[in-house]
Amino acid sequence: MARRILPASGSPAWVAAETLASAAFSLVGLLFIARLIGPEAAGIGAIAASAFLTIDFPIAALFGDALLQRRNLEERHRSSALWVTIGVALIAVLGLGLAAPLIARAIGAPILTDMIHVLALLLPFSAASGLMASLALRARHYRLLAQRVLICQPLSVGLGMLAAAAGWGPWAMVVQQAAATFGVFLLLSLLSGWRPRLMLDRAAINDLWPIAGPQILALLVLNGRYRIFILVLGTMVAETVVAVTHIAFRLLDVSMSVVSGASARLAMPRLSALQHDRDAMAQCYGDLAQLQALIGLPIAVGLAITAPQLVTLLMGGPWVAAADPARLVALAAIPAFLIGPAPALWLALGRTRMNLITQLIAFAVPLLALLAMRPADAAGAAVCWVGGTLAVVPLQLTLGLRALERPLRWLCAQLVVPVVATLAMAAVAMLVAQHVQGKPALMAISMIGGCGATTYVAMLALLLGGRWPRALREA
C-alpha cells in the first residue's frame, strides 16, 4: 500500500521533501543547540565546524559532478573515483589535524584543537557518502537522497540537543556532525545497491579530471568562502560577535539551501542529459529559472520582513542583534534567485572553469571588504559579505544568456510569474507587519506569514492557471 501512496523514486516531490526537511532540521539543530549552549560556546562550535566543512565539502564532491556529467560512465570510472576520493580524504585527515593547533592559537580558544581533531576523523566517511550520493543523483534516485535527510538528520539533531542539554558546550555541535556523517554513510552503503570494485584505473581518472579539476576548485571556494570569512572575522572580533554573525547568515543559508538544493537536484541531471541539444537545454533552463525564483523570492523577502520576530522567537533576547544582518543578507540574495541555476549550466556544458572564476570573485570581494573595513559588529560583517553576491550576479547573467544564445527579455519572460506573485505577497506582508508591531513574536510571524503565503499561493494559482510550474511536470 505504501508503494502506491508514495511518489516514484524519480519524482520531484522527493526533491521538495529533501530540501525542505534539510532546511528545517538544519535550522532547528543550529538554533536550538546554540540557544542551549550560549553565544560564546556556539561561536567556538561554529569556528570548529567551519574548519572541518571547508575541507570536507570539496573532498566529498571531488568526482561527483564529473560522474554526473559524463555521458558514457563505466564501472572503472565509479570505482576508481571512489578510492581516489577516500585516499585524498585520508591525507586531509592528517593535514587538518596538523592545522588544528594553529587555528586554535589564532582564535585564542585552545579547546578548538581537540574539537577539530575529532571532526577530521569523519572525512573518509563523508567522502565516500558524497560520491555515492552523486551516483544516486545521476540515476535520479531522489527518494534515496531524501532518506538521508528524513532519517539521519532527526537523529543527529536529537543527539546534539541531548549533548547540549547535558552541558557539553561546544562539543554538542561535534556530536551532531558526527552522528549525521556516520548515519548518512551507513544508509547509503546499505541502500545504494552499489558495491565498488577494488581497482584504480589511471585512464578513468584522466577521463574525469577535465571536468572534476576546475569544478572541485570552484566547490572548494564556494564552500570555503563563508568558512574562511568566519575564521578571519574570528581574529578581529569577540566570539559572541562571530556567533551572532553565524546565526544571522545561517538563517539565510537555510533558506538558500532550499532553493539551491531543489534547483541543483533537478538541474544537474536534466541539463547534463541535454548537453548536445542547445534549444532543449535553453527551454529546460528557462523552466528551472522560473522554479528557482518561485521558491527563492518569497523565502528571501519573507525572511527580510520577519527577521526581528523570527530571531526573537527562535533565539531569544541575547541574539536580537542578528536580525538586521539577516535582513540585509536576505535582501542581497534576491538577485541571485533571478538568474537561474548557472552553476549547473556550466557543468552540463563542460565549462566548469566558469564556476571557478565566479566563485573566486565571490570569495575575494567579501574578504577584501572585511580586511579594509574591519567591522566591529555583525551588521558590518553583513555589509562585507553581500558584496560577493552582488559582484557575481551580473557576470553570471551575461555569460549564461550568451551561452544559451538567448536575450535578456527571454529570461525576464520566465520570471514574470514569480516576480509579480512575490510583489503582491510583499505588499500584503508589510501591511500586516505594521499592524502587528508590539505583538508576541509567534503571533506576529503567524499573521505575517499566513497572510503573505495565502496571497502568494492565490497569485500563483491565478497566474499559472491552476497548473504546476513546468519544471515540476517532469516525473
Foldseek 3Di string as FASTA:
>chain_A
DVVVVDDDQLALVLLLLQLVLQLVLVLQLLLLLCQLQDQLLSLLLLLLVLLLQLPQFLLLCLLLLLQLLDDDDDLLLLQQSLVVSLVVLVVVLVVQLVCQCVLCVLLVHRVSNVLNNLSSVLRSLSSNLSNLVSVCLSVSSSNLSSCLSVPQSVVLSVQLSVCSNVPVRSCSSSSSVNSSSVSSSVSSVVPSPDDHDPDHDPVSCVSRCLLSVLQSLLRSLVSNLVSVLLSVLSSQERSSQSSLLVSLVSLVVSLVSSLLSSLCSLLQNVLSVCLPPLVVNLVLQLLSLLVSLLRLLLSLLLCLLLQQLVCCVRNNDSNSLSRVLSNLLSVLCNLVSLQGDLCSNCSSNSNSNVSNVLSVQLRPQLVVQCVVVVDHHSNSSSVSNSVSSVVRSVVSNVVVCVSSVHDPVSSVVSHPQSVVLSVQLSVQLNVLLVVCPPPRSVVNSCRSVVSSVVSSVVSNCVVVVNDDRPSSVPD
